[in-house]
PDB file of N, CA and C in Angstrom:
ATOM      1  N   MET A   1     104.085 136.457  19.771  1.00  0.00           N
ATOM      2  CA  MET A   1     104.089 136.054  21.682  1.00  0.00           C
ATOM      3  C   MET A   1     104.308 136.942  22.306  1.00  0.00           C
ATOM      4  N   ALA A   2     104.293 136.580  23.364  1.00  0.00           N
ATOM      5  CA  ALA A   2     104.536 137.544  24.313  1.00  0.00           C
ATOM      6  C   ALA A   2     106.081 136.749  25.155  1.00  0.00           C
ATOM      7  N   PHE A   3     107.015 137.523  25.481  1.00  0.00           N
ATOM      8  CA  PHE A   3     108.494 136.598  26.058  1.00  0.00           C
ATOM      9  C   PHE A   3     107.986 135.861  27.406  1.00  0.00           C
ATOM     10  N   CYS A   4     106.438 135.813  28.116  1.00  0.00           N
ATOM     11  CA  CYS A   4     106.152 135.443  29.418  1.00  0.00           C
ATOM     12  C   CYS A   4     105.870 134.023  28.901  1.00  0.00           C
ATOM     13  N   ASP A   5     105.715 133.900  27.546  1.00  0.00           N
ATOM     14  CA  ASP A   5     104.635 132.747  27.090  1.00  0.00           C
ATOM     15  C   ASP A   5     106.012 131.440  26.924  1.00  0.00           C
ATOM     16  N   TYR A   6     107.385 132.184  27.351  1.00  0.00           N
ATOM     17  CA  TYR A   6     108.199 131.446  26.847  1.00  0.00           C
ATOM     18  C   TYR A   6     108.958 131.294  27.728  1.00  0.00           C
ATOM     19  N   HIS A   7     109.632 130.068  27.875  1.00  0.00           N
ATOM     20  CA  HIS A   7     110.525 129.432  28.618  1.00  0.00           C
ATOM     21  C   HIS A   7     112.238 130.145  28.114  1.00  0.00           C
ATOM     22  N   ALA A   8     112.763 130.959  29.292  1.00  0.00           N
ATOM     23  CA  ALA A   8     113.651 132.073  28.941  1.00  0.00           C
ATOM     24  C   ALA A   8     115.215 131.009  29.407  1.00  0.00           C
ATOM     25  N   CYS A   9     115.798 131.615  28.544  1.00  0.00           N
ATOM     26  CA  CYS A   9     117.203 130.778  28.146  1.00  0.00           C
ATOM     27  C   CYS A   9     117.853 130.890  29.831  1.00  0.00           C
ATOM     28  N   ASP A  10     118.134 129.779  30.282  1.00  0.00           N
ATOM     29  CA  ASP A  10     119.082 129.723  31.440  1.00  0.00           C
ATOM     30  C   ASP A  10     120.336 129.976  31.595  1.00  0.00           C
ATOM     31  N   ARG A  11     120.940 130.373  30.846  1.00  0.00           N
ATOM     32  CA  ARG A  11     122.174 131.278  31.032  1.00  0.00           C
ATOM     33  C   ARG A  11     121.888 132.368  31.158  1.00  0.00           C
ATOM     34  N   CYS A  12     121.157 133.419  30.152  1.00  0.00           N
ATOM     35  CA  CYS A  12     121.284 134.608  29.955  1.00  0.00           C
ATOM     36  C   CYS A  12     120.225 135.223  30.656  1.00  0.00           C
ATOM     37  N   GLY A  13     119.129 134.541  30.038  1.00  0.00           N
ATOM     38  CA  GLY A  13     117.642 134.843  30.655  1.00  0.00           C
ATOM     39  C   GLY A  13     117.349 136.351  29.932  1.00  0.00           C
ATOM     40  N   GLU A  14     117.761 136.647  28.513  1.00  0.00           N
ATOM     41  CA  GLU A  14     116.838 137.162  27.884  1.00  0.00           C
ATOM     42  C   GLU A  14     116.680 136.850  26.851  1.00  0.00           C
ATOM     43  N   ARG A  15     116.597 135.940  26.175  1.00  0.00           N
ATOM     44  CA  ARG A  15     115.883 135.257  25.444  1.00  0.00           C
ATOM     45  C   ARG A  15     114.994 134.170  25.151  1.00  0.00           C
ATOM     46  N   LYS A  16     114.068 133.766  24.137  1.00  0.00           N
ATOM     47  CA  LYS A  16     113.552 132.529  24.460  1.00  0.00           C
ATOM     48  C   LYS A  16     113.680 131.344  24.023  1.00  0.00           C
ATOM     49  N   THR A  17     113.452 130.585  24.476  1.00  0.00           N
ATOM     50  CA  THR A  17     113.657 128.967  23.984  1.00  0.00           C
ATOM     51  C   THR A  17     113.077 128.233  23.201  1.00  0.00           C
ATOM     52  N   PHE A  18     111.710 127.964  24.046  1.00  0.00           N
ATOM     53  CA  PHE A  18     110.585 127.309  23.696  1.00  0.00           C
ATOM     54  C   PHE A  18     109.466 127.825  24.248  1.00  0.00           C
ATOM     55  N   TYR A  19     108.247 127.487  23.560  1.00  0.00           N
ATOM     56  CA  TYR A  19     107.184 128.062  23.746  1.00  0.00           C
ATOM     57  C   TYR A  19     106.808 127.058  24.910  1.00  0.00           C
ATOM     58  N   ASP A  20     106.082 127.752  26.013  1.00  0.00           N
ATOM     59  CA  ASP A  20     105.727 126.942  27.320  1.00  0.00           C
ATOM     60  C   ASP A  20     104.375 127.702  28.425  1.00  0.00           C
ATOM     61  N   ALA A  21     103.944 128.463  27.125  1.00  0.00           N
ATOM     62  CA  ALA A  21     102.545 128.657  28.049  1.00  0.00           C
ATOM     63  C   ALA A  21     101.585 128.182  28.053  1.00  0.00           C
ATOM     64  N   ASN A  22     101.145 126.828  27.254  1.00  0.00           N
ATOM     65  CA  ASN A  22     100.527 125.829  27.722  1.00  0.00           C
ATOM     66  C   ASN A  22     101.033 124.324  28.569  1.00  0.00           C
ATOM     67  N   MET A  23     102.395 124.369  28.943  1.00  0.00           N
ATOM     68  CA  MET A  23     102.458 123.725  30.081  1.00  0.00           C
ATOM     69  C   MET A  23     102.267 124.049  31.615  1.00  0.00           C
ATOM     70  N   ASN A  24     101.898 123.153  32.653  1.00  0.00           N
ATOM     71  CA  ASN A  24     101.878 123.716  34.311  1.00  0.00           C
ATOM     72  C   ASN A  24     103.196 123.762  34.609  1.00  0.00           C
ATOM     73  N   PHE A  25     103.385 124.447  35.256  1.00  0.00           N
ATOM     74  CA  PHE A  25     104.425 124.062  35.550  1.00  0.00           C
ATOM     75  C   PHE A  25     104.225 125.339  37.494  1.00  0.00           C
ATOM     76  N   GLU A  26     105.293 124.858  37.731  1.00  0.00           N
ATOM     77  CA  GLU A  26     105.015 124.938  39.624  1.00  0.00           C
ATOM     78  C   GLU A  26     106.611 125.771  40.392  1.00  0.00           C
ATOM     79  N   ASP A  27     106.539 127.070  40.865  1.00  0.00           N
ATOM     80  CA  ASP A  27     107.429 127.822  41.679  1.00  0.00           C
ATOM     81  C   ASP A  27     108.461 126.997  42.605  1.00  0.00           C
ATOM     82  N   GLN A  28     109.597 126.824  42.322  1.00  0.00           N
ATOM     83  CA  GLN A  28     110.466 125.976  43.579  1.00  0.00           C
ATOM     84  C   GLN A  28     111.253 127.658  44.817  1.00  0.00           C
ATOM     85  N   PRO A  29     111.079 126.911  45.625  1.00  0.00           N
ATOM     86  CA  PRO A  29     111.984 127.581  46.605  1.00  0.00           C
ATOM     87  C   PRO A  29     113.203 128.221  46.303  1.00  0.00           C
ATOM     88  N   ASP A  30     113.751 127.717  45.372  1.00  0.00           N
ATOM     89  CA  ASP A  30     114.987 128.265  44.951  1.00  0.00           C
ATOM     90  C   ASP A  30     115.269 129.188  44.020  1.00  0.00           C
ATOM     91  N   GLY A  31     114.066 129.708  43.639  1.00  0.00           N
ATOM     92  CA  GLY A  31     113.462 130.515  42.487  1.00  0.00           C
ATOM     93  C   GLY A  31     113.661 129.925  41.089  1.00  0.00           C
ATOM     94  N   SER A  32     113.515 128.410  40.946  1.00  0.00           N
ATOM     95  CA  SER A  32     113.257 127.980  39.708  1.00  0.00           C
ATOM     96  C   SER A  32     112.058 127.430  39.477  1.00  0.00           C
ATOM     97  N   TYR A  33     111.590 126.930  38.565  1.00  0.00           N
ATOM     98  CA  TYR A  33     110.204 126.025  38.293  1.00  0.00           C
ATOM     99  C   TYR A  33     110.523 124.788  37.471  1.00  0.00           C
ATOM    100  N   THR A  34     109.580 123.946  37.858  1.00  0.00           N
ATOM    101  CA  THR A  34     109.283 122.762  37.360  1.00  0.00           C
ATOM    102  C   THR A  34     108.229 122.234  36.670  1.00  0.00           C
ATOM    103  N   TYR A  35     108.088 121.464  35.328  1.00  0.00           N
ATOM    104  CA  TYR A  35     107.262 121.009  34.469  1.00  0.00           C
ATOM    105  C   TYR A  35     106.496 119.964  35.077  1.00  0.00           C
ATOM    106  N   ASP A  36     105.772 119.992  35.660  1.00  0.00           N
ATOM    107  CA  ASP A  36     104.915 118.294  35.794  1.00  0.00           C
ATOM    108  C   ASP A  36     105.925 118.169  36.778  1.00  0.00           C
ATOM    109  N   GLY A  37     106.618 118.570  37.603  1.00  0.00           N
ATOM    110  CA  GLY A  37     107.207 117.573  38.272  1.00  0.00           C
ATOM    111  C   GLY A  37     109.145 117.996  38.702  1.00  0.00           C
ATOM    112  N   HIS A  38     109.590 117.967  37.010  1.00  0.00           N
ATOM    113  CA  HIS A  38     110.633 118.056  36.384  1.00  0.00           C
ATOM    114  C   HIS A  38     111.082 119.540  35.930  1.00  0.00           C
ATOM    115  N   ARG A  39     112.252 119.741  36.280  1.00  0.00           N
ATOM    116  CA  ARG A  39     113.185 120.754  36.481  1.00  0.00           C
ATOM    117  C   ARG A  39     113.601 120.515  34.963  1.00  0.00           C
ATOM    118  N   VAL A  40     113.238 121.913  33.968  1.00  0.00           N
ATOM    119  CA  VAL A  40     114.284 121.658  32.551  1.00  0.00           C
ATOM    120  C   VAL A  40     115.050 123.110  32.371  1.00  0.00           C
ATOM    121  N   PHE A  41     116.155 122.477  31.513  1.00  0.00           N
ATOM    122  CA  PHE A  41     117.184 123.181  31.237  1.00  0.00           C
ATOM    123  C   PHE A  41     117.092 123.765  30.036  1.00  0.00           C
ATOM    124  N   ALA A  42     117.392 124.894  29.313  1.00  0.00           N
ATOM    125  CA  ALA A  42     117.526 125.051  27.970  1.00  0.00           C
ATOM    126  C   ALA A  42     117.988 126.337  27.610  1.00  0.00           C
ATOM    127  N   LEU A  43     119.143 126.170  26.562  1.00  0.00           N
ATOM    128  CA  LEU A  43     119.856 127.495  25.775  1.00  0.00           C
ATOM    129  C   LEU A  43     119.376 128.091  24.912  1.00  0.00           C
ATOM    130  N   CYS A  44     119.243 129.503  24.496  1.00  0.00           N
ATOM    131  CA  CYS A  44     119.080 129.983  23.690  1.00  0.00           C
ATOM    132  C   CYS A  44     120.335 129.997  22.239  1.00  0.00           C
ATOM    133  N   HIS A  45     119.692 130.331  21.482  1.00  0.00           N
ATOM    134  CA  HIS A  45     120.846 129.839  20.233  1.00  0.00           C
ATOM    135  C   HIS A  45     121.725 130.348  20.287  1.00  0.00           C
ATOM    136  N   GLU A  46     122.212 132.194  20.692  1.00  0.00           N
ATOM    137  CA  GLU A  46     123.660 132.401  20.841  1.00  0.00           C
ATOM    138  C   GLU A  46     124.230 131.992  22.266  1.00  0.00           C
ATOM    139  N   CYS A  47     123.864 131.322  23.153  1.00  0.00           N
ATOM    140  CA  CYS A  47     124.375 130.849  24.447  1.00  0.00           C
ATOM    141  C   CYS A  47     124.486 129.439  24.168  1.00  0.00           C
ATOM    142  N   ALA A  48     124.169 128.712  23.003  1.00  0.00           N
ATOM    143  CA  ALA A  48     124.455 127.276  22.922  1.00  0.00           C
ATOM    144  C   ALA A  48     125.708 127.479  21.576  1.00  0.00           C
ATOM    145  N   LYS A  49     125.991 128.705  21.359  1.00  0.00           N
ATOM    146  CA  LYS A  49     127.518 128.277  20.735  1.00  0.00           C
ATOM    147  C   LYS A  49     128.397 128.483  21.277  1.00  0.00           C
ATOM    148  N   THR A  50     128.187 128.483  22.548  1.00  0.00           N
ATOM    149  CA  THR A  50     129.793 128.687  23.718  1.00  0.00           C
ATOM    150  C   THR A  50     129.665 127.594  25.132  1.00  0.00           C
ATOM    151  N   HIS A  51     128.181 127.077  24.921  1.00  0.00           N
ATOM    152  CA  HIS A  51     127.849 126.658  26.562  1.00  0.00           C
ATOM    153  C   HIS A  51     127.102 125.044  25.843  1.00  0.00           C
ATOM    154  N   GLU A  52     127.118 124.313  26.812  1.00  0.00           N
ATOM    155  CA  GLU A  52     126.457 123.496  26.730  1.00  0.00           C
ATOM    156  C   GLU A  52     125.838 122.716  27.797  1.00  0.00           C
ATOM    157  N   ILE A  53     124.848 122.268  27.790  1.00  0.00           N
ATOM    158  CA  ILE A  53     124.394 121.654  28.794  1.00  0.00           C
ATOM    159  C   ILE A  53     124.070 119.644  28.815  1.00  0.00           C
ATOM    160  N   VAL A  54     124.967 119.685  30.300  1.00  0.00           N
ATOM    161  CA  VAL A  54     125.472 118.444  30.401  1.00  0.00           C
ATOM    162  C   VAL A  54     124.428 117.295  31.282  1.00  0.00           C
ATOM    163  N   ILE A  55     124.147 116.226  30.786  1.00  0.00           N
ATOM    164  CA  ILE A  55     123.534 115.555  32.007  1.00  0.00           C
ATOM    165  C   ILE A  55     124.418 114.281  31.908  1.00  0.00           C
ATOM    166  N   GLN A  56     124.681 114.054  33.769  1.00  0.00           N
ATOM    167  CA  GLN A  56     125.405 113.346  34.373  1.00  0.00           C
ATOM    168  C   GLN A  56     124.838 112.405  35.498  1.00  0.00           C
ATOM    169  N   VAL A  57     125.344 111.108  35.722  1.00  0.00           N
ATOM    170  CA  VAL A  57     125.118 110.584  36.989  1.00  0.00           C
ATOM    171  C   VAL A  57     125.742 110.995  38.282  1.00  0.00           C
ATOM    172  N   LYS A  58     124.291 111.348  39.054  1.00  0.00           N
ATOM    173  CA  LYS A  58     124.656 111.920  40.655  1.00  0.00           C
ATOM    174  C   LYS A  58     125.646 110.704  41.304  1.00  0.00           C
ATOM    175  N   PRO A  59     126.489 111.618  42.226  1.00  0.00           N
ATOM    176  CA  PRO A  59     127.389 110.930  42.366  1.00  0.00           C
ATOM    177  C   PRO A  59     126.800 110.171  43.996  1.00  0.00           C
ATOM    178  N   ALA A  60     127.734 109.091  44.339  1.00  0.00           N
ATOM    179  CA  ALA A  60     126.923 108.214  45.448  1.00  0.00           C
ATOM    180  C   ALA A  60     126.696 109.563  47.116  1.00  0.00           C
ATOM    181  N   ARG A  61     125.891 109.048  47.181  1.00  0.00           N
ATOM    182  CA  ARG A  61     125.736 110.066  48.629  1.00  0.00           C
ATOM    183  C   ARG A  61     126.454 109.606  49.829  1.00  0.00           C
ATOM    184  N   VAL A  62     127.296 110.299  50.458  1.00  0.00           N
ATOM    185  CA  VAL A  62     128.099 110.268  51.239  1.00  0.00           C
ATOM    186  C   VAL A  62     127.113 109.522  52.754  1.00  0.00           C
ATOM    187  N   LYS A  63     127.441 108.402  53.521  1.00  0.00           N
ATOM    188  CA  LYS A  63     126.775 108.107  54.539  1.00  0.00           C
ATOM    189  C   LYS A  63     127.701 109.019  55.791  1.00  0.00           C
ATOM    190  N   ALA A  64     127.072 109.126  56.667  1.00  0.00           N
ATOM    191  CA  ALA A  64     128.046 109.792  57.865  1.00  0.00           C
ATOM    192  C   ALA A  64     127.609 108.921  59.206  1.00  0.00           C
ATOM    193  N   ALA A  65     128.962 108.706  60.587  1.00  0.00           N
ATOM    194  CA  ALA A  65     128.585 108.101  61.255  1.00  0.00           C
ATOM    195  C   ALA A  65     128.446 109.177  62.588  1.00  0.00           C
ATOM    196  N   LYS A  66     127.569 109.200  63.245  1.00  0.00           N
ATOM    197  CA  LYS A  66     127.830 109.655  64.604  1.00  0.00           C
ATOM    198  C   LYS A  66     129.170 109.531  65.431  1.00  0.00           C
ATOM    199  N   VAL A  67     129.810 110.666  65.831  1.00  0.00           N
ATOM    200  CA  VAL A  67     130.880 109.929  66.921  1.00  0.00           C
ATOM    201  C   VAL A  67     130.956 111.276  67.421  1.00  0.00           C
ATOM    202  N   GLY A  68     130.505 111.188  69.169  1.00  0.00           N
ATOM    203  CA  GLY A  68     130.752 112.472  69.813  1.00  0.00           C
ATOM    204  C   GLY A  68     129.194 112.767  69.343  1.00  0.00           C
ATOM    205  N   GLU A  69     129.419 114.117  69.216  1.00  0.00           N
ATOM    206  CA  GLU A  69     128.313 115.326  68.768  1.00  0.00           C
ATOM    207  C   GLU A  69     128.458 115.576  67.327  1.00  0.00           C
ATOM    208  N   GLU A  70     129.737 115.222  66.482  1.00  0.00           N
ATOM    209  CA  GLU A  70     129.990 115.673  65.430  1.00  0.00           C
ATOM    210  C   GLU A  70     130.220 114.537  64.262  1.00  0.00           C
ATOM    211  N   TYR A  71     129.430 115.219  63.109  1.00  0.00           N
ATOM    212  CA  TYR A  71     129.359 113.470  61.984  1.00  0.00           C
ATOM    213  C   TYR A  71     130.884 113.664  60.866  1.00  0.00           C
ATOM    214  N   PHE A  72     130.840 112.212  60.959  1.00  0.00           N
ATOM    215  CA  PHE A  72     132.176 112.348  60.198  1.00  0.00           C
ATOM    216  C   PHE A  72     131.706 111.163  58.795  1.00  0.00           C
ATOM    217  N   PRO A  73     132.301 111.659  58.013  1.00  0.00           N
ATOM    218  CA  PRO A  73     131.727 111.092  56.203  1.00  0.00           C
ATOM    219  C   PRO A  73     132.376 110.030  56.356  1.00  0.00           C
ATOM    220  N   TRP A  74     132.350 108.324  55.760  1.00  0.00           N
ATOM    221  CA  TRP A  74     133.248 107.699  55.884  1.00  0.00           C
ATOM    222  C   TRP A  74     133.701 107.080  54.110  1.00  0.00           C
TER     223      TRP A  74
END
């Protein structure tokens, strides 16, 4: 199968990770793409030997209060 039919490694970009030719994907403004609205990350076998993908809770969003013309986080 052609390389373009696979999701490339998100670290090296040189190796195949999984077959994605039958998945609907959309280009995003930051250069990434999503599958059905979800960003997918994957590592090839070589990169997985030295790196890992971590899923963690997002930090709480900081609210800002307007003081004069500047915004200060509280």
